[in-house]
Amino acid sequence: FVLANPVGEVTEKLQRADLLQSFGVDGLFLTVGEAVVSLSSTWKGQP
C-alpha cells in the first residue's frame, strides 16, 4: 500500500482502525512528489 499527502483527519481515522501500520515506513509519504521519486527509483531497479 502507498499513501501520499494524507490530511490529519485521514491519518487519524486510519490509526483508529489499526490500518496505518499496514502502509509501513516505505508506504507513507507526506507529498505526492516524494512518493513519485521513491517509487520511480524502485521501479527503475526492477527488470
PDB file of N, CA and C in Angstrom:
ATOM      1  N   PHE A   1       0.830  -1.179   0.000  1.00  0.00           N
ATOM      2  CA  PHE A   1       0.000   0.000   0.000  1.00  0.00           C
ATOM      3  C   PHE A   1       0.869   1.234   0.000  1.00  0.00           C
ATOM      4  N   VAL A   2       0.363   2.286  -0.643  1.00  0.00           N
ATOM      5  CA  VAL A   2       1.051   3.572  -0.636  1.00  0.00           C
ATOM      6  C   VAL A   2       0.030   4.650  -0.341  1.00  0.00           C
ATOM      7  N   LEU A   3       0.394   5.590   0.514  1.00  0.00           N
ATOM      8  CA  LEU A   3      -0.463   6.715   0.848  1.00  0.00           C
ATOM      9  C   LEU A   3       0.364   7.974   0.713  1.00  0.00           C
ATOM     10  N   ALA A   4      -0.109   8.915  -0.104  1.00  0.00           N
ATOM     11  CA  ALA A   4       0.598  10.171  -0.304  1.00  0.00           C
ATOM     12  C   ALA A   4      -0.297  11.335   0.092  1.00  0.00           C
ATOM     13  N   ASN A   5       0.296  12.309   0.752  1.00  0.00           N
ATOM     14  CA  ASN A   5      -0.368  13.548   1.129  1.00  0.00           C
ATOM     15  C   ASN A   5      -1.606  13.323   1.996  1.00  0.00           C
ATOM     16  N   PRO A   6      -1.476  12.545   3.060  1.00  0.00           N
ATOM     17  CA  PRO A   6      -2.646  12.327   3.918  1.00  0.00           C
ATOM     18  C   PRO A   6      -2.917  13.543   4.795  1.00  0.00           C
ATOM     19  N   VAL A   7      -4.149  13.987   4.843  1.00  0.00           N
ATOM     20  CA  VAL A   7      -4.509  15.066   5.762  1.00  0.00           C
ATOM     21  C   VAL A   7      -4.668  14.460   7.149  1.00  0.00           C
ATOM     22  N   GLY A   8      -4.603  15.287   8.162  1.00  0.00           N
ATOM     23  CA  GLY A   8      -4.650  14.799   9.539  1.00  0.00           C
ATOM     24  C   GLY A   8      -5.840  13.920   9.839  1.00  0.00           C
ATOM     25  N   GLU A   9      -7.006  14.290   9.322  1.00  0.00           N
ATOM     26  CA  GLU A   9      -8.222  13.523   9.593  1.00  0.00           C
ATOM     27  C   GLU A   9      -8.129  12.107   9.032  1.00  0.00           C
ATOM     28  N   VAL A  10      -7.571  11.964   7.849  1.00  0.00           N
ATOM     29  CA  VAL A  10      -7.419  10.635   7.236  1.00  0.00           C
ATOM     30  C   VAL A  10      -6.455   9.790   8.056  1.00  0.00           C
ATOM     31  N   THR A  11      -5.348  10.389   8.446  1.00  0.00           N
ATOM     32  CA  THR A  11      -4.359   9.671   9.247  1.00  0.00           C
ATOM     33  C   THR A  11      -4.953   9.216  10.576  1.00  0.00           C
ATOM     34  N   GLU A  12      -5.729  10.097  11.205  1.00  0.00           N
ATOM     35  CA  GLU A  12      -6.361   9.738  12.477  1.00  0.00           C
ATOM     36  C   GLU A  12      -7.335   8.574  12.309  1.00  0.00           C
ATOM     37  N   LYS A  13      -8.125   8.589  11.246  1.00  0.00           N
ATOM     38  CA  LYS A  13      -9.086   7.507  11.009  1.00  0.00           C
ATOM     39  C   LYS A  13      -8.375   6.187  10.733  1.00  0.00           C
ATOM     40  N   LEU A  14      -7.298   6.236   9.968  1.00  0.00           N
ATOM     41  CA  LEU A  14      -6.530   5.021   9.700  1.00  0.00           C
ATOM     42  C   LEU A  14      -5.916   4.475  10.984  1.00  0.00           C
ATOM     43  N   GLN A  15      -5.441   5.376  11.835  1.00  0.00           N
ATOM     44  CA  GLN A  15      -4.844   4.944  13.101  1.00  0.00           C
ATOM     45  C   GLN A  15      -5.897   4.305  14.000  1.00  0.00           C
ATOM     46  N   ARG A  16      -7.077   4.915  14.080  1.00  0.00           N
ATOM     47  CA  ARG A  16      -8.141   4.353  14.914  1.00  0.00           C
ATOM     48  C   ARG A  16      -8.580   2.987  14.410  1.00  0.00           C
ATOM     49  N   ALA A  17      -8.502   2.768  13.119  1.00  0.00           N
ATOM     50  CA  ALA A  17      -8.911   1.491  12.533  1.00  0.00           C
ATOM     51  C   ALA A  17      -7.759   0.480  12.502  1.00  0.00           C
ATOM     52  N   ASP A  18      -6.617   0.843  13.082  1.00  0.00           N
ATOM     53  CA  ASP A  18      -5.427  -0.014  13.088  1.00  0.00           C
ATOM     54  C   ASP A  18      -4.966  -0.382  11.682  1.00  0.00           C
ATOM     55  N   LEU A  19      -5.108   0.540  10.742  1.00  0.00           N
ATOM     56  CA  LEU A  19      -4.678   0.292   9.368  1.00  0.00           C
ATOM     57  C   LEU A  19      -3.413   1.058   8.994  1.00  0.00           C
ATOM     58  N   LEU A  20      -3.043   2.038   9.784  1.00  0.00           N
ATOM     59  CA  LEU A  20      -1.895   2.871   9.437  1.00  0.00           C
ATOM     60  C   LEU A  20      -0.614   2.055   9.323  1.00  0.00           C
ATOM     61  N   GLN A  21      -0.410   1.080  10.201  1.00  0.00           N
ATOM     62  CA  GLN A  21       0.811   0.273  10.164  1.00  0.00           C
ATOM     63  C   GLN A  21       0.887  -0.600   8.912  1.00  0.00           C
ATOM     64  N   SER A  22      -0.235  -0.842   8.237  1.00  0.00           N
ATOM     65  CA  SER A  22      -0.207  -1.667   7.026  1.00  0.00           C
ATOM     66  C   SER A  22       0.532  -0.976   5.882  1.00  0.00           C
ATOM     67  N   PHE A  23       0.676   0.359   5.961  1.00  0.00           N
ATOM     68  CA  PHE A  23       1.420   1.081   4.936  1.00  0.00           C
ATOM     69  C   PHE A  23       2.916   0.945   5.146  1.00  0.00           C
ATOM     70  N   GLY A  24       3.345   0.763   6.367  1.00  0.00           N
ATOM     71  CA  GLY A  24       4.759   0.609   6.665  1.00  0.00           C
ATOM     72  C   GLY A  24       5.527   1.900   6.456  1.00  0.00           C
ATOM     73  N   VAL A  25       6.793   1.861   6.758  1.00  0.00           N
ATOM     74  CA  VAL A  25       7.638   3.045   6.647  1.00  0.00           C
ATOM     75  C   VAL A  25       7.816   3.458   5.192  1.00  0.00           C
ATOM     76  N   ASP A  26       7.880   2.497   4.286  1.00  0.00           N
ATOM     77  CA  ASP A  26       8.129   2.796   2.878  1.00  0.00           C
ATOM     78  C   ASP A  26       6.866   3.120   2.098  1.00  0.00           C
ATOM     79  N   GLY A  27       5.717   3.127   2.737  1.00  0.00           N
ATOM     80  CA  GLY A  27       4.473   3.346   2.009  1.00  0.00           C
ATOM     81  C   GLY A  27       3.725   4.601   2.394  1.00  0.00           C
ATOM     82  N   LEU A  28       4.309   5.438   3.247  1.00  0.00           N
ATOM     83  CA  LEU A  28       3.648   6.652   3.698  1.00  0.00           C
ATOM     84  C   LEU A  28       4.502   7.851   3.317  1.00  0.00           C
ATOM     85  N   PHE A  29       3.948   8.744   2.517  1.00  0.00           N
ATOM     86  CA  PHE A  29       4.678   9.906   2.028  1.00  0.00           C
ATOM     87  C   PHE A  29       3.888  11.168   2.332  1.00  0.00           C
ATOM     88  N   LEU A  30       4.588  12.227   2.722  1.00  0.00           N
ATOM     89  CA  LEU A  30       3.914  13.483   3.038  1.00  0.00           C
ATOM     90  C   LEU A  30       3.478  14.237   1.793  1.00  0.00           C
ATOM     91  N   THR A  31       4.182  14.032   0.682  1.00  0.00           N
ATOM     92  CA  THR A  31       3.803  14.703  -0.563  1.00  0.00           C
ATOM     93  C   THR A  31       3.748  13.688  -1.699  1.00  0.00           C
ATOM     94  N   VAL A  32       2.999  14.042  -2.718  1.00  0.00           N
ATOM     95  CA  VAL A  32       2.920  13.191  -3.904  1.00  0.00           C
ATOM     96  C   VAL A  32       4.284  13.137  -4.586  1.00  0.00           C
ATOM     97  N   GLY A  33       5.003  14.248  -4.591  1.00  0.00           N
ATOM     98  CA  GLY A  33       6.332  14.291  -5.195  1.00  0.00           C
ATOM     99  C   GLY A  33       7.287  13.298  -4.563  1.00  0.00           C
ATOM    100  N   GLU A  34       7.267  13.205  -3.239  1.00  0.00           N
ATOM    101  CA  GLU A  34       8.114  12.232  -2.546  1.00  0.00           C
ATOM    102  C   GLU A  34       7.755  10.812  -2.956  1.00  0.00           C
ATOM    103  N   ALA A  35       6.469  10.539  -3.076  1.00  0.00           N
ATOM    104  CA  ALA A  35       6.022   9.199  -3.467  1.00  0.00           C
ATOM    105  C   ALA A  35       6.492   8.864  -4.875  1.00  0.00           C
ATOM    106  N   VAL A  36       6.354   9.816  -5.790  1.00  0.00           N
ATOM    107  CA  VAL A  36       6.752   9.581  -7.186  1.00  0.00           C
ATOM    108  C   VAL A  36       8.248   9.315  -7.275  1.00  0.00           C
ATOM    109  N   VAL A  37       9.042  10.128  -6.614  1.00  0.00           N
ATOM    110  CA  VAL A  37      10.500   9.950  -6.660  1.00  0.00           C
ATOM    111  C   VAL A  37      10.896   8.598  -6.080  1.00  0.00           C
ATOM    112  N   SER A  38      10.336   8.260  -4.944  1.00  0.00           N
ATOM    113  CA  SER A  38      10.685   6.997  -4.292  1.00  0.00           C
ATOM    114  C   SER A  38      10.256   5.793  -5.116  1.00  0.00           C
ATOM    115  N   LEU A  39       9.028   5.816  -5.598  1.00  0.00           N
ATOM    116  CA  LEU A  39       8.517   4.664  -6.344  1.00  0.00           C
ATOM    117  C   LEU A  39       9.142   4.539  -7.724  1.00  0.00           C
ATOM    118  N   SER A  40       9.425   5.668  -8.375  1.00  0.00           N
ATOM    119  CA  SER A  40      10.036   5.574  -9.704  1.00  0.00           C
ATOM    120  C   SER A  40      11.452   5.027  -9.610  1.00  0.00           C
ATOM    121  N   SER A  41      12.181   5.366  -8.553  1.00  0.00           N
ATOM    122  CA  SER A  41      13.527   4.806  -8.401  1.00  0.00           C
ATOM    123  C   SER A  41      13.457   3.320  -8.079  1.00  0.00           C
ATOM    124  N   THR A  42      12.416   2.894  -7.386  1.00  0.00           N
ATOM    125  CA  THR A  42      12.222   1.473  -7.095  1.00  0.00           C
ATOM    126  C   THR A  42      11.924   0.705  -8.369  1.00  0.00           C
ATOM    127  N   TRP A  43      11.067   1.255  -9.209  1.00  0.00           N
ATOM    128  CA  TRP A  43      10.686   0.577 -10.455  1.00  0.00           C
ATOM    129  C   TRP A  43      11.843   0.518 -11.444  1.00  0.00           C
ATOM    130  N   LYS A  44      12.713   1.531 -11.449  1.00  0.00           N
ATOM    131  CA  LYS A  44      13.853   1.534 -12.370  1.00  0.00           C
ATOM    132  C   LYS A  44      14.817   0.398 -12.064  1.00  0.00           C
ATOM    133  N   GLY A  45      14.886  -0.006 -10.807  1.00  0.00           N
ATOM    134  CA  GLY A  45      15.796  -1.072 -10.414  1.00  0.00           C
ATOM    135  C   GLY A  45      15.295  -2.464 -10.733  1.00  0.00           C
ATOM    136  N   GLN A  46      14.031  -2.583 -11.147  1.00  0.00           N
ATOM    137  CA  GLN A  46      13.461  -3.895 -11.454  1.00  0.00           C
ATOM    138  C   GLN A  46      13.573  -4.180 -12.946  1.00  0.00           C
ATOM    139  N   PRO A  47      13.828  -5.452 -13.285  1.00  0.00           N
ATOM    140  CA  PRO A  47      13.949  -5.802 -14.715  1.00  0.00           C
ATOM    141  C   PRO A  47      12.615  -5.786 -15.422  1.00  0.00           C
TER     142      PRO A  47
END
